[in-house]
Amino acid sequence: RLSCAASGIDFGIRTVNWHRQAPGKQRELVAIITSRGSTNYAG
């Protein structure tokens, strides 16, 4: 379970994204959560 703690930003109205980057590969968008809690995931 990963956690991301934010400060200095109006967090509640922002979409937050998780990305990952493996060695030798491009950064990949993994998951998104909007301010309203809608989510989307990489296949």
PDB file of all heavy atoms in Angstrom:
ATOM      1  N   ARG A   1       0.853  -1.183   0.000  1.00  0.00           N
ATOM      2  CA  ARG A   1       0.000   0.000   0.000  1.00  0.00           C
ATOM      3  C   ARG A   1       0.888   1.232   0.000  1.00  0.00           C
ATOM      4  O   ARG A   1       1.638   1.457   0.953  1.00  0.00           O
ATOM      5  CB  ARG A   1      -0.916   0.015   1.221  1.00  0.00           C
ATOM      6  CG  ARG A   1      -1.931   1.156   1.216  1.00  0.00           C
ATOM      7  CD  ARG A   1      -2.865   1.025   2.420  1.00  0.00           C
ATOM      8  NE  ARG A   1      -3.862   2.083   2.505  1.00  0.00           N
ATOM      9  CZ  ARG A   1      -5.022   2.044   1.880  1.00  0.00           C
ATOM     10  NH1 ARG A   1      -5.342   1.006   1.122  1.00  0.00           N
ATOM     11  NH2 ARG A   1      -5.898   3.044   2.015  1.00  0.00           N
ATOM     12  N   LEU A   2       0.814   1.997  -1.076  1.00  0.00           N
ATOM     13  CA  LEU A   2       1.568   3.233  -1.192  1.00  0.00           C
ATOM     14  C   LEU A   2       0.713   4.401  -0.710  1.00  0.00           C
ATOM     15  O   LEU A   2      -0.515   4.386  -0.836  1.00  0.00           O
ATOM     16  CB  LEU A   2       1.992   3.485  -2.637  1.00  0.00           C
ATOM     17  CG  LEU A   2       2.760   2.363  -3.332  1.00  0.00           C
ATOM     18  CD1 LEU A   2       3.180   2.824  -4.734  1.00  0.00           C
ATOM     19  CD2 LEU A   2       3.963   1.923  -2.526  1.00  0.00           C
ATOM     20  N   SER A   3       1.383   5.416  -0.207  1.00  0.00           N
ATOM     21  CA  SER A   3       0.694   6.616   0.233  1.00  0.00           C
ATOM     22  C   SER A   3       1.388   7.841  -0.329  1.00  0.00           C
ATOM     23  O   SER A   3       2.618   7.852  -0.470  1.00  0.00           O
ATOM     24  CB  SER A   3       0.672   6.696   1.760  1.00  0.00           C
ATOM     25  OG  SER A   3      -0.049   7.836   2.193  1.00  0.00           O
ATOM     26  N   CYS A   4       0.599   8.849  -0.647  1.00  0.00           N
ATOM     27  CA  CYS A   4       1.123  10.137  -1.111  1.00  0.00           C
ATOM     28  C   CYS A   4       0.518  11.213  -0.217  1.00  0.00           C
ATOM     29  O   CYS A   4      -0.708  11.359  -0.175  1.00  0.00           O
ATOM     30  CB  CYS A   4       0.752  10.372  -2.559  1.00  0.00           C
ATOM     31  SG  CYS A   4       1.142  12.022  -3.171  1.00  0.00           S
ATOM     32  N   ALA A   5       1.369  11.934   0.486  1.00  0.00           N
ATOM     33  CA  ALA A   5       0.918  13.005   1.369  1.00  0.00           C
ATOM     34  C   ALA A   5       1.227  14.347   0.725  1.00  0.00           C
ATOM     35  O   ALA A   5       2.368  14.593   0.313  1.00  0.00           O
ATOM     36  CB  ALA A   5       1.607  12.901   2.720  1.00  0.00           C
ATOM     37  N   ALA A   6       0.211  15.194   0.644  1.00  0.00           N
ATOM     38  CA  ALA A   6       0.360  16.489  -0.026  1.00  0.00           C
ATOM     39  C   ALA A   6       0.297  17.628   0.978  1.00  0.00           C
ATOM     40  O   ALA A   6      -0.407  17.547   1.991  1.00  0.00           O
ATOM     41  CB  ALA A   6      -0.739  16.663  -1.063  1.00  0.00           C
ATOM     42  N   SER A   7       1.020  18.671   0.672  1.00  0.00           N
ATOM     43  CA  SER A   7       0.952  19.896   1.470  1.00  0.00           C
ATOM     44  C   SER A   7       1.175  21.092   0.552  1.00  0.00           C
ATOM     45  O   SER A   7       1.752  20.963  -0.525  1.00  0.00           O
ATOM     46  CB  SER A   7       1.985  19.883   2.601  1.00  0.00           C
ATOM     47  OG  SER A   7       3.283  19.773   2.078  1.00  0.00           O
ATOM     48  N   GLY A   8       0.688  22.251   0.994  1.00  0.00           N
ATOM     49  CA  GLY A   8       0.887  23.467   0.221  1.00  0.00           C
ATOM     50  C   GLY A   8       0.016  23.574  -1.010  1.00  0.00           C
ATOM     51  O   GLY A   8       0.324  24.357  -1.917  1.00  0.00           O
ATOM     52  N   ILE A   9      -1.069  22.812  -1.050  1.00  0.00           N
ATOM     53  CA  ILE A   9      -1.926  22.782  -2.229  1.00  0.00           C
ATOM     54  C   ILE A   9      -3.372  22.587  -1.788  1.00  0.00           C
ATOM     55  O   ILE A   9      -3.620  21.988  -0.733  1.00  0.00           O
ATOM     56  CB  ILE A   9      -1.487  21.654  -3.190  1.00  0.00           C
ATOM     57  CG1 ILE A   9      -2.130  21.810  -4.567  1.00  0.00           C
ATOM     58  CG2 ILE A   9      -1.770  20.283  -2.599  1.00  0.00           C
ATOM     59  CD1 ILE A   9      -1.544  20.887  -5.621  1.00  0.00           C
ATOM     60  N   ASP A  10      -4.306  23.121  -2.589  1.00  0.00           N
ATOM     61  CA  ASP A  10      -5.726  22.941  -2.316  1.00  0.00           C
ATOM     62  C   ASP A  10      -6.145  21.549  -2.758  1.00  0.00           C
ATOM     63  O   ASP A  10      -6.828  21.358  -3.768  1.00  0.00           O
ATOM     64  CB  ASP A  10      -6.547  24.017  -3.021  1.00  0.00           C
ATOM     65  CG  ASP A  10      -6.118  24.254  -4.464  1.00  0.00           C
ATOM     66  OD1 ASP A  10      -5.137  23.614  -4.904  1.00  0.00           O
ATOM     67  OD2 ASP A  10      -6.765  25.071  -5.144  1.00  0.00           O
ATOM     68  N   PHE A  11      -5.716  20.602  -1.970  1.00  0.00           N
ATOM     69  CA  PHE A  11      -5.755  19.192  -2.339  1.00  0.00           C
ATOM     70  C   PHE A  11      -7.146  18.709  -2.715  1.00  0.00           C
ATOM     71  O   PHE A  11      -7.315  17.955  -3.667  1.00  0.00           O
ATOM     72  CB  PHE A  11      -5.208  18.370  -1.160  1.00  0.00           C
ATOM     73  CG  PHE A  11      -5.175  16.893  -1.387  1.00  0.00           C
ATOM     74  CD1 PHE A  11      -4.124  16.312  -2.079  1.00  0.00           C
ATOM     75  CD2 PHE A  11      -6.185  16.080  -0.906  1.00  0.00           C
ATOM     76  CE1 PHE A  11      -4.083  14.946  -2.290  1.00  0.00           C
ATOM     77  CE2 PHE A  11      -6.166  14.721  -1.112  1.00  0.00           C
ATOM     78  CZ  PHE A  11      -5.111  14.151  -1.805  1.00  0.00           C
ATOM     79  N   GLY A  12      -8.137  19.142  -1.985  1.00  0.00           N
ATOM     80  CA  GLY A  12      -9.491  18.611  -2.151  1.00  0.00           C
ATOM     81  C   GLY A  12     -10.104  18.831  -3.510  1.00  0.00           C
ATOM     82  O   GLY A  12     -11.026  18.108  -3.891  1.00  0.00           O
ATOM     83  N   ILE A  13      -9.608  19.796  -4.274  1.00  0.00           N
ATOM     84  CA  ILE A  13     -10.208  20.076  -5.576  1.00  0.00           C
ATOM     85  C   ILE A  13      -9.345  19.559  -6.725  1.00  0.00           C
ATOM     86  O   ILE A  13      -9.641  19.823  -7.885  1.00  0.00           O
ATOM     87  CB  ILE A  13     -10.458  21.584  -5.777  1.00  0.00           C
ATOM     88  CG1 ILE A  13      -9.145  22.362  -5.832  1.00  0.00           C
ATOM     89  CG2 ILE A  13     -11.357  22.129  -4.675  1.00  0.00           C
ATOM     90  CD1 ILE A  13      -9.324  23.803  -6.284  1.00  0.00           C
ATOM     91  N   ARG A  14      -8.299  18.827  -6.396  1.00  0.00           N
ATOM     92  CA  ARG A  14      -7.327  18.395  -7.411  1.00  0.00           C
ATOM     93  C   ARG A  14      -7.437  16.924  -7.738  1.00  0.00           C
ATOM     94  O   ARG A  14      -7.640  16.093  -6.850  1.00  0.00           O
ATOM     95  CB  ARG A  14      -5.898  18.689  -6.955  1.00  0.00           C
ATOM     96  CG  ARG A  14      -5.643  20.143  -6.631  1.00  0.00           C
ATOM     97  CD  ARG A  14      -5.743  21.004  -7.864  1.00  0.00           C
ATOM     98  NE  ARG A  14      -5.621  22.427  -7.525  1.00  0.00           N
ATOM     99  CZ  ARG A  14      -5.742  23.411  -8.403  1.00  0.00           C
ATOM    100  NH1 ARG A  14      -5.969  23.129  -9.686  1.00  0.00           N
ATOM    101  NH2 ARG A  14      -5.639  24.663  -8.003  1.00  0.00           N
ATOM    102  N   THR A  15      -7.277  16.618  -9.023  1.00  0.00           N
ATOM    103  CA  THR A  15      -7.084  15.234  -9.455  1.00  0.00           C
ATOM    104  C   THR A  15      -5.668  14.806  -9.097  1.00  0.00           C
ATOM    105  O   THR A  15      -4.717  15.579  -9.250  1.00  0.00           O
ATOM    106  CB  THR A  15      -7.303  15.112 -10.970  1.00  0.00           C
ATOM    107  OG1 THR A  15      -8.681  15.348 -11.255  1.00  0.00           O
ATOM    108  CG2 THR A  15      -6.911  13.741 -11.470  1.00  0.00           C
ATOM    109  N   VAL A  16      -5.533  13.613  -8.590  1.00  0.00           N
ATOM    110  CA  VAL A  16      -4.220  13.079  -8.221  1.00  0.00           C
ATOM    111  C   VAL A  16      -3.947  11.832  -9.062  1.00  0.00           C
ATOM    112  O   VAL A  16      -4.827  10.994  -9.260  1.00  0.00           O
ATOM    113  CB  VAL A  16      -4.161  12.732  -6.727  1.00  0.00           C
ATOM    114  CG1 VAL A  16      -2.779  12.191  -6.359  1.00  0.00           C
ATOM    115  CG2 VAL A  16      -4.490  13.964  -5.885  1.00  0.00           C
ATOM    116  N   ASN A  17      -2.736  11.750  -9.548  1.00  0.00           N
ATOM    117  CA  ASN A  17      -2.334  10.641 -10.406  1.00  0.00           C
ATOM    118  C   ASN A  17      -1.193   9.858  -9.772  1.00  0.00           C
ATOM    119  O   ASN A  17      -0.317  10.452  -9.121  1.00  0.00           O
ATOM    120  CB  ASN A  17      -1.837  11.174 -11.757  1.00  0.00           C
ATOM    121  CG  ASN A  17      -2.779  12.174 -12.375  1.00  0.00           C
ATOM    122  OD1 ASN A  17      -3.928  11.866 -12.657  1.00  0.00           O
ATOM    123  ND2 ASN A  17      -2.296  13.395 -12.583  1.00  0.00           N
ATOM    124  N   TRP A  18      -1.192   8.559  -9.989  1.00  0.00           N
ATOM    125  CA  TRP A  18      -0.031   7.725  -9.684  1.00  0.00           C
ATOM    126  C   TRP A  18       0.586   7.287 -11.022  1.00  0.00           C
ATOM    127  O   TRP A  18      -0.126   6.813 -11.913  1.00  0.00           O
ATOM    128  CB  TRP A  18      -0.407   6.482  -8.903  1.00  0.00           C
ATOM    129  CG  TRP A  18      -0.555   6.691  -7.426  1.00  0.00           C
ATOM    130  CD1 TRP A  18      -1.714   6.836  -6.728  1.00  0.00           C
ATOM    131  CD2 TRP A  18       0.493   6.745  -6.461  1.00  0.00           C
ATOM    132  NE1 TRP A  18      -1.455   6.994  -5.398  1.00  0.00           N
ATOM    133  CE2 TRP A  18      -0.091   6.938  -5.196  1.00  0.00           C
ATOM    134  CE3 TRP A  18       1.884   6.665  -6.524  1.00  0.00           C
ATOM    135  CZ2 TRP A  18       0.638   7.044  -4.018  1.00  0.00           C
ATOM    136  CZ3 TRP A  18       2.617   6.761  -5.347  1.00  0.00           C
ATOM    137  CH2 TRP A  18       2.002   6.948  -4.118  1.00  0.00           C
ATOM    138  N   HIS A  19       1.890   7.453 -11.119  1.00  0.00           N
ATOM    139  CA  HIS A  19       2.650   7.009 -12.279  1.00  0.00           C
ATOM    140  C   HIS A  19       3.717   6.031 -11.797  1.00  0.00           C
ATOM    141  O   HIS A  19       4.027   5.970 -10.611  1.00  0.00           O
ATOM    142  CB  HIS A  19       3.375   8.187 -12.949  1.00  0.00           C
ATOM    143  CG  HIS A  19       2.483   9.278 -13.432  1.00  0.00           C
ATOM    144  ND1 HIS A  19       2.236   9.501 -14.777  1.00  0.00           N
ATOM    145  CD2 HIS A  19       1.791  10.220 -12.764  1.00  0.00           C
ATOM    146  CE1 HIS A  19       1.431  10.552 -14.894  1.00  0.00           C
ATOM    147  NE2 HIS A  19       1.151  11.004 -13.686  1.00  0.00           N
ATOM    148  N   ARG A  20       4.297   5.322 -12.735  1.00  0.00           N
ATOM    149  CA  ARG A  20       5.454   4.486 -12.409  1.00  0.00           C
ATOM    150  C   ARG A  20       6.436   4.500 -13.563  1.00  0.00           C
ATOM    151  O   ARG A  20       6.051   4.728 -14.721  1.00  0.00           O
ATOM    152  CB  ARG A  20       5.041   3.055 -12.079  1.00  0.00           C
ATOM    153  CG  ARG A  20       4.470   2.274 -13.252  1.00  0.00           C
ATOM    154  CD  ARG A  20       3.982   0.904 -12.765  1.00  0.00           C
ATOM    155  NE  ARG A  20       3.427   0.112 -13.861  1.00  0.00           N
ATOM    156  CZ  ARG A  20       2.814  -1.056 -13.685  1.00  0.00           C
ATOM    157  NH1 ARG A  20       2.678  -1.568 -12.454  1.00  0.00           N
ATOM    158  NH2 ARG A  20       2.338  -1.721 -14.714  1.00  0.00           N
ATOM    159  N   GLN A  21       7.683   4.252 -13.219  1.00  0.00           N
ATOM    160  CA  GLN A  21       8.721   4.163 -14.237  1.00  0.00           C
ATOM    161  C   GLN A  21       9.651   3.016 -13.911  1.00  0.00           C
ATOM    162  O   GLN A  21      10.321   3.023 -12.865  1.00  0.00           O
ATOM    163  CB  GLN A  21       9.498   5.472 -14.351  1.00  0.00           C
ATOM    164  CG  GLN A  21      10.452   5.484 -15.541  1.00  0.00           C
ATOM    165  CD  GLN A  21      10.944   6.872 -15.882  1.00  0.00           C
ATOM    166  OE1 GLN A  21      10.919   7.788 -15.052  1.00  0.00           O
ATOM    167  NE2 GLN A  21      11.389   7.051 -17.110  1.00  0.00           N
ATOM    168  N   ALA A  22       9.689   2.067 -14.819  1.00  0.00           N
ATOM    169  CA  ALA A  22      10.585   0.925 -14.675  1.00  0.00           C
ATOM    170  C   ALA A  22      11.900   1.242 -15.381  1.00  0.00           C
ATOM    171  O   ALA A  22      11.934   2.079 -16.295  1.00  0.00           O
ATOM    172  CB  ALA A  22       9.944  -0.321 -15.274  1.00  0.00           C
ATOM    173  N   PRO A  23      12.983   0.590 -14.986  1.00  0.00           N
ATOM    174  CA  PRO A  23      14.284   0.846 -15.618  1.00  0.00           C
ATOM    175  C   PRO A  23      14.218   0.669 -17.122  1.00  0.00           C
ATOM    176  O   PRO A  23      13.717  -0.350 -17.612  1.00  0.00           O
ATOM    177  CB  PRO A  23      15.197  -0.200 -14.965  1.00  0.00           C
ATOM    178  CG  PRO A  23      14.554  -0.492 -13.665  1.00  0.00           C
ATOM    179  CD  PRO A  23      13.080  -0.394 -13.898  1.00  0.00           C
ATOM    180  N   GLY A  24      14.686   1.659 -17.851  1.00  0.00           N
ATOM    181  CA  GLY A  24      14.747   1.568 -19.299  1.00  0.00           C
ATOM    182  C   GLY A  24      13.413   1.771 -19.999  1.00  0.00           C
ATOM    183  O   GLY A  24      13.326   1.610 -21.218  1.00  0.00           O
ATOM    184  N   LYS A  25      12.382   2.129 -19.234  1.00  0.00           N
ATOM    185  CA  LYS A  25      11.055   2.313 -19.831  1.00  0.00           C
ATOM    186  C   LYS A  25      10.545   3.721 -19.576  1.00  0.00           C
ATOM    187  O   LYS A  25      11.021   4.417 -18.684  1.00  0.00           O
ATOM    188  CB  LYS A  25      10.083   1.279 -19.264  1.00  0.00           C
ATOM    189  CG  LYS A  25      10.404  -0.154 -19.653  1.00  0.00           C
ATOM    190  CD  LYS A  25       9.289  -1.098 -19.217  1.00  0.00           C
ATOM    191  CE  LYS A  25       9.569  -2.518 -19.669  1.00  0.00           C
ATOM    192  NZ  LYS A  25       8.471  -3.450 -19.280  1.00  0.00           N
ATOM    193  N   GLN A  26       9.566   4.119 -20.371  1.00  0.00           N
ATOM    194  CA  GLN A  26       8.943   5.429 -20.180  1.00  0.00           C
ATOM    195  C   GLN A  26       8.031   5.416 -18.960  1.00  0.00           C
ATOM    196  O   GLN A  26       7.523   4.367 -18.547  1.00  0.00           O
ATOM    197  CB  GLN A  26       8.135   5.799 -21.425  1.00  0.00           C
ATOM    198  CG  GLN A  26       8.984   6.153 -22.635  1.00  0.00           C
ATOM    199  CD  GLN A  26       8.169   6.755 -23.765  1.00  0.00           C
ATOM    200  OE1 GLN A  26       6.993   6.445 -23.932  1.00  0.00           O
ATOM    201  NE2 GLN A  26       8.782   7.636 -24.529  1.00  0.00           N
ATOM    202  N   ARG A  27       7.844   6.600 -18.404  1.00  0.00           N
ATOM    203  CA  ARG A  27       6.927   6.728 -17.275  1.00  0.00           C
ATOM    204  C   ARG A  27       5.509   6.385 -17.746  1.00  0.00           C
ATOM    205  O   ARG A  27       5.095   6.793 -18.834  1.00  0.00           O
ATOM    206  CB  ARG A  27       6.986   8.146 -16.717  1.00  0.00           C
ATOM    207  CG  ARG A  27       6.279   8.313 -15.387  1.00  0.00           C
ATOM    208  CD  ARG A  27       6.641   9.632 -14.750  1.00  0.00           C
ATOM    209  NE  ARG A  27       8.039   9.664 -14.326  1.00  0.00           N
ATOM    210  CZ  ARG A  27       8.585  10.646 -13.614  1.00  0.00           C
ATOM    211  NH1 ARG A  27       7.834  11.686 -13.256  1.00  0.00           N
ATOM    212  NH2 ARG A  27       9.845  10.605 -13.269  1.00  0.00           N
ATOM    213  N   GLU A  28       4.791   5.657 -16.902  1.00  0.00           N
ATOM    214  CA  GLU A  28       3.471   5.141 -17.257  1.00  0.00           C
ATOM    215  C   GLU A  28       2.442   5.628 -16.243  1.00  0.00           C
ATOM    216  O   GLU A  28       2.682   5.533 -15.030  1.00  0.00           O
ATOM    217  CB  GLU A  28       3.515   3.606 -17.257  1.00  0.00           C
ATOM    218  CG  GLU A  28       2.178   2.926 -17.430  1.00  0.00           C
ATOM    219  CD  GLU A  28       2.238   1.418 -17.187  1.00  0.00           C
ATOM    220  OE1 GLU A  28       3.213   0.965 -16.535  1.00  0.00           O
ATOM    221  OE2 GLU A  28       1.343   0.699 -17.614  1.00  0.00           O
ATOM    222  N   LEU A  29       1.314   6.124 -16.728  1.00  0.00           N
ATOM    223  CA  LEU A  29       0.216   6.503 -15.841  1.00  0.00           C
ATOM    224  C   LEU A  29      -0.491   5.244 -15.357  1.00  0.00           C
ATOM    225  O   LEU A  29      -0.948   4.440 -16.172  1.00  0.00           O
ATOM    226  CB  LEU A  29      -0.756   7.422 -16.566  1.00  0.00           C
ATOM    227  CG  LEU A  29      -1.984   7.878 -15.792  1.00  0.00           C
ATOM    228  CD1 LEU A  29      -1.590   8.667 -14.556  1.00  0.00           C
ATOM    229  CD2 LEU A  29      -2.886   8.705 -16.694  1.00  0.00           C
ATOM    230  N   VAL A  30      -0.601   5.090 -14.048  1.00  0.00           N
ATOM    231  CA  VAL A  30      -1.136   3.866 -13.464  1.00  0.00           C
ATOM    232  C   VAL A  30      -2.581   4.042 -13.007  1.00  0.00           C
ATOM    233  O   VAL A  30      -3.428   3.196 -13.259  1.00  0.00           O
ATOM    234  CB  VAL A  30      -0.260   3.429 -12.274  1.00  0.00           C
ATOM    235  CG1 VAL A  30      -0.884   2.257 -11.538  1.00  0.00           C
ATOM    236  CG2 VAL A  30       1.135   3.081 -12.746  1.00  0.00           C
ATOM    237  N   ALA A  31      -2.853   5.138 -12.303  1.00  0.00           N
ATOM    238  CA  ALA A  31      -4.189   5.333 -11.725  1.00  0.00           C
ATOM    239  C   ALA A  31      -4.443   6.811 -11.524  1.00  0.00           C
ATOM    240  O   ALA A  31      -3.518   7.590 -11.301  1.00  0.00           O
ATOM    241  CB  ALA A  31      -4.316   4.590 -10.402  1.00  0.00           C
ATOM    242  N   ILE A  32      -5.724   7.158 -11.598  1.00  0.00           N
ATOM    243  CA  ILE A  32      -6.178   8.537 -11.436  1.00  0.00           C
ATOM    244  C   ILE A  32      -7.335   8.559 -10.471  1.00  0.00           C
ATOM    245  O   ILE A  32      -8.195   7.664 -10.508  1.00  0.00           O
ATOM    246  CB  ILE A  32      -6.659   9.111 -12.786  1.00  0.00           C
ATOM    247  CG1 ILE A  32      -5.539   9.153 -13.809  1.00  0.00           C
ATOM    248  CG2 ILE A  32      -7.260  10.495 -12.606  1.00  0.00           C
ATOM    249  CD1 ILE A  32      -6.023   9.480 -15.214  1.00  0.00           C
ATOM    250  N   ILE A  33      -7.391   9.586  -9.641  1.00  0.00           N
ATOM    251  CA  ILE A  33      -8.580   9.818  -8.832  1.00  0.00           C
ATOM    252  C   ILE A  33      -8.909  11.302  -8.878  1.00  0.00           C
ATOM    253  O   ILE A  33      -8.054  12.148  -8.624  1.00  0.00           O
ATOM    254  CB  ILE A  33      -8.414   9.303  -7.380  1.00  0.00           C
ATOM    255  CG1 ILE A  33      -9.750   9.427  -6.624  1.00  0.00           C
ATOM    256  CG2 ILE A  33      -7.279  10.000  -6.647  1.00  0.00           C
ATOM    257  CD1 ILE A  33      -9.793   8.606  -5.351  1.00  0.00           C
ATOM    258  N   THR A  34     -10.148  11.601  -9.248  1.00  0.00           N
ATOM    259  CA  THR A  34     -10.564  12.990  -9.353  1.00  0.00           C
ATOM    260  C   THR A  34     -10.970  13.535  -7.976  1.00  0.00           C
ATOM    261  O   THR A  34     -11.036  12.797  -6.987  1.00  0.00           O
ATOM    262  CB  THR A  34     -11.753  13.133 -10.305  1.00  0.00           C
ATOM    263  OG1 THR A  34     -12.907  12.533  -9.698  1.00  0.00           O
ATOM    264  CG2 THR A  34     -11.488  12.467 -11.648  1.00  0.00           C
ATOM    265  N   SER A  35     -11.257  14.818  -7.948  1.00  0.00           N
ATOM    266  CA  SER A  35     -11.662  15.444  -6.696  1.00  0.00           C
ATOM    267  C   SER A  35     -12.956  14.846  -6.163  1.00  0.00           C
ATOM    268  O   SER A  35     -13.190  14.835  -4.950  1.00  0.00           O
ATOM    269  CB  SER A  35     -11.815  16.945  -6.889  1.00  0.00           C
ATOM    270  OG  SER A  35     -12.787  17.219  -7.877  1.00  0.00           O
ATOM    271  N   ARG A  36     -13.763  14.316  -7.051  1.00  0.00           N
ATOM    272  CA  ARG A  36     -15.039  13.722  -6.638  1.00  0.00           C
ATOM    273  C   ARG A  36     -14.911  12.238  -6.340  1.00  0.00           C
ATOM    274  O   ARG A  36     -15.901  11.584  -6.009  1.00  0.00           O
ATOM    275  CB  ARG A  36     -16.100  13.941  -7.716  1.00  0.00           C
ATOM    276  CG  ARG A  36     -16.462  15.400  -7.916  1.00  0.00           C
ATOM    277  CD  ARG A  36     -17.636  15.552  -8.868  1.00  0.00           C
ATOM    278  NE  ARG A  36     -18.055  16.951  -8.986  1.00  0.00           N
ATOM    279  CZ  ARG A  36     -19.130  17.343  -9.660  1.00  0.00           C
ATOM    280  NH1 ARG A  36     -19.896  16.446 -10.263  1.00  0.00           N
ATOM    281  NH2 ARG A  36     -19.443  18.619  -9.725  1.00  0.00           N
ATOM    282  N   GLY A  37     -13.710  11.698  -6.527  1.00  0.00           N
ATOM    283  CA  GLY A  37     -13.491  10.296  -6.211  1.00  0.00           C
ATOM    284  C   GLY A  37     -13.652   9.346  -7.376  1.00  0.00           C
ATOM    285  O   GLY A  37     -13.565   8.125  -7.192  1.00  0.00           O
ATOM    286  N   SER A  38     -13.860   9.869  -8.575  1.00  0.00           N
ATOM    287  CA  SER A  38     -13.898   8.998  -9.746  1.00  0.00           C
ATOM    288  C   SER A  38     -12.496   8.475 -10.036  1.00  0.00           C
ATOM    289  O   SER A  38     -11.513   9.212  -9.883  1.00  0.00           O
ATOM    290  CB  SER A  38     -14.424   9.757 -10.960  1.00  0.00           C
ATOM    291  OG  SER A  38     -15.762  10.167 -10.749  1.00  0.00           O
ATOM    292  N   THR A  39     -12.428   7.223 -10.443  1.00  0.00           N
ATOM    293  CA  THR A  39     -11.126   6.591 -10.649  1.00  0.00           C
ATOM    294  C   THR A  39     -10.994   6.012 -12.055  1.00  0.00           C
ATOM    295  O   THR A  39     -11.992   5.718 -12.720  1.00  0.00           O
ATOM    296  CB  THR A  39     -10.909   5.467  -9.623  1.00  0.00           C
ATOM    297  OG1 THR A  39     -11.936   4.484  -9.785  1.00  0.00           O
ATOM    298  CG2 THR A  39     -10.942   6.002  -8.208  1.00  0.00           C
ATOM    299  N   ASN A  40      -9.748   5.847 -12.465  1.00  0.00           N
ATOM    300  CA  ASN A  40      -9.448   5.206 -13.732  1.00  0.00           C
ATOM    301  C   ASN A  40      -8.097   4.531 -13.601  1.00  0.00           C
ATOM    302  O   ASN A  40      -7.221   5.026 -12.858  1.00  0.00           O
ATOM    303  CB  ASN A  40      -9.424   6.231 -14.868  1.00  0.00           C
ATOM    304  CG  ASN A  40      -9.687   5.594 -16.213  1.00  0.00           C
ATOM    305  OD1 ASN A  40      -9.866   4.387 -16.314  1.00  0.00           O
ATOM    306  ND2 ASN A  40      -9.721   6.413 -17.254  1.00  0.00           N
ATOM    307  N   TYR A  41      -7.917   3.417 -14.303  1.00  0.00           N
ATOM    308  CA  TYR A  41      -6.704   2.619 -14.152  1.00  0.00           C
ATOM    309  C   TYR A  41      -6.141   2.220 -15.501  1.00  0.00           C
ATOM    310  O   TYR A  41      -6.882   2.045 -16.479  1.00  0.00           O
ATOM    311  CB  TYR A  41      -7.013   1.341 -13.359  1.00  0.00           C
ATOM    312  CG  TYR A  41      -7.548   1.595 -11.970  1.00  0.00           C
ATOM    313  CD1 TYR A  41      -8.912   1.668 -11.736  1.00  0.00           C
ATOM    314  CD2 TYR A  41      -6.680   1.772 -10.891  1.00  0.00           C
ATOM    315  CE1 TYR A  41      -9.405   1.916 -10.472  1.00  0.00           C
ATOM    316  CE2 TYR A  41      -7.165   2.007  -9.620  1.00  0.00           C
ATOM    317  CZ  TYR A  41      -8.534   2.091  -9.418  1.00  0.00           C
ATOM    318  OH  TYR A  41      -9.011   2.333  -8.161  1.00  0.00           O
ATOM    319  N   ALA A  42      -4.836   2.028 -15.529  1.00  0.00           N
ATOM    320  CA  ALA A  42      -4.209   1.426 -16.687  1.00  0.00           C
ATOM    321  C   ALA A  42      -4.676  -0.024 -16.791  1.00  0.00           C
ATOM    322  O   ALA A  42      -4.920  -0.686 -15.779  1.00  0.00           O
ATOM    323  CB  ALA A  42      -2.693   1.483 -16.554  1.00  0.00           C
ATOM    324  N   GLY A  43      -4.773  -0.496 -18.019  1.00  0.00           N
ATOM    325  CA  GLY A  43      -5.241  -1.851 -18.222  1.00  0.00           C
ATOM    326  C   GLY A  43      -4.384  -2.896 -17.528  1.00  0.00           C
ATOM    327  O   GLY A  43      -4.879  -3.939 -17.097  1.00  0.00           O
TER     328      GLY A  43
END
